[in-house]
Amino acid sequence: MNCRPHGGKPTVALWMLVALADVGIIATAAGPALVLLIIAGLLIAAGGVYAARSLGRRAPAPAKAEFRRRA
C-alpha cells in the first residue's frame, strides 16, 4: 500500500498560515495600542539579548608588540 508520508512541507505551510491568522485575530481583539507595546517590548528584549551576546563574544585585543631591529 502506497500512502503519503505525514508531516510534509505543505502541511507545515498550512499550519504556519493558521498560526499567522490566529496572531491576526488576537491582535485585532487586543487593540492596536497593546499590540504596539508588545512589539516594542519584544524588540527591546531582542536588542538586549543581541547586545549581550555580541559583547560576550569579544576576545580581548592582543597586546601590540613592537619589534626593533638591532644594528
Protein backbone atom coordinates (compact mmCIF):
# COMPACT_ATOMS: atom_id res chain seq x y z
CA MET A 1 0.00 0.00 0.00
CA ASN A 2 1.36 3.36 -1.02
CA CYS A 3 0.40 6.25 1.16
CA ARG A 4 1.62 9.81 1.52
CA PRO A 5 4.08 10.48 4.32
CA HIS A 6 2.79 12.66 7.12
CA GLY A 7 4.36 15.96 8.11
CA GLY A 8 5.39 17.19 4.68
CA LYS A 9 6.16 20.76 3.71
CA PRO A 10 2.61 21.61 2.56
CA THR A 11 1.27 20.60 5.98
CA VAL A 12 3.80 22.79 7.79
CA ALA A 13 2.99 25.71 5.49
CA LEU A 14 -0.72 25.29 6.16
CA TRP A 15 -0.22 25.30 9.93
CA MET A 16 2.01 28.38 9.67
CA LEU A 17 -0.81 30.17 7.84
CA VAL A 18 -3.25 29.10 10.55
CA ALA A 19 -0.86 30.41 13.23
CA LEU A 20 -0.49 33.71 11.36
CA ALA A 21 -4.26 34.06 11.15
CA ASP A 22 -4.53 33.35 14.90
CA VAL A 23 -1.99 36.09 15.63
CA GLY A 24 -4.00 38.49 13.47
CA ILE A 25 -7.23 37.64 15.30
CA ILE A 26 -5.60 38.10 18.70
CA ALA A 27 -4.01 41.41 17.61
CA THR A 28 -7.37 42.69 16.41
CA ALA A 29 -9.08 41.68 19.65
CA ALA A 30 -6.36 43.18 21.87
CA GLY A 31 -6.26 46.55 20.17
CA PRO A 32 -3.55 48.39 18.30
CA ALA A 33 -2.03 50.16 21.32
CA LEU A 34 -1.45 46.93 23.21
CA VAL A 35 -0.04 45.21 20.14
CA LEU A 36 2.42 48.08 19.58
CA LEU A 37 3.52 47.92 23.21
CA ILE A 38 4.09 44.17 22.97
CA ILE A 39 6.06 44.52 19.73
CA ALA A 40 8.17 47.33 21.21
CA GLY A 41 8.90 45.22 24.28
CA LEU A 42 9.91 42.25 22.15
CA LEU A 43 12.21 44.43 20.03
CA ILE A 44 13.87 45.89 23.13
CA ALA A 45 14.34 42.42 24.61
CA ALA A 46 15.78 41.08 21.34
CA GLY A 47 18.16 44.05 21.13
CA GLY A 48 19.32 43.44 24.69
CA VAL A 49 19.98 39.77 24.01
CA TYR A 50 21.87 40.64 20.82
CA ALA A 51 23.99 43.24 22.62
CA ALA A 52 24.77 40.88 25.49
CA ARG A 53 25.79 38.09 23.14
CA SER A 54 27.95 40.34 20.97
CA LEU A 55 29.70 41.83 24.00
CA GLY A 56 30.25 38.38 25.50
CA ARG A 57 31.88 37.02 22.34
CA ARG A 58 34.52 39.69 22.05
CA ALA A 59 38.02 38.43 22.65
CA PRO A 60 40.46 40.75 24.35
CA ALA A 61 42.63 42.61 21.88
CA PRO A 62 46.14 41.21 21.72
CA ALA A 63 48.86 43.49 23.02
CA LYS A 64 50.68 45.31 20.28
CA ALA A 65 54.21 44.02 20.18
CA GLU A 66 56.89 46.28 18.80
CA PHE A 67 59.92 44.61 17.32
CA ARG A 68 63.04 46.66 16.86
CA ARG A 69 65.98 45.66 14.77
CA ARG A 70 69.37 45.82 16.34
CA ALA A 71 72.16 47.38 14.37
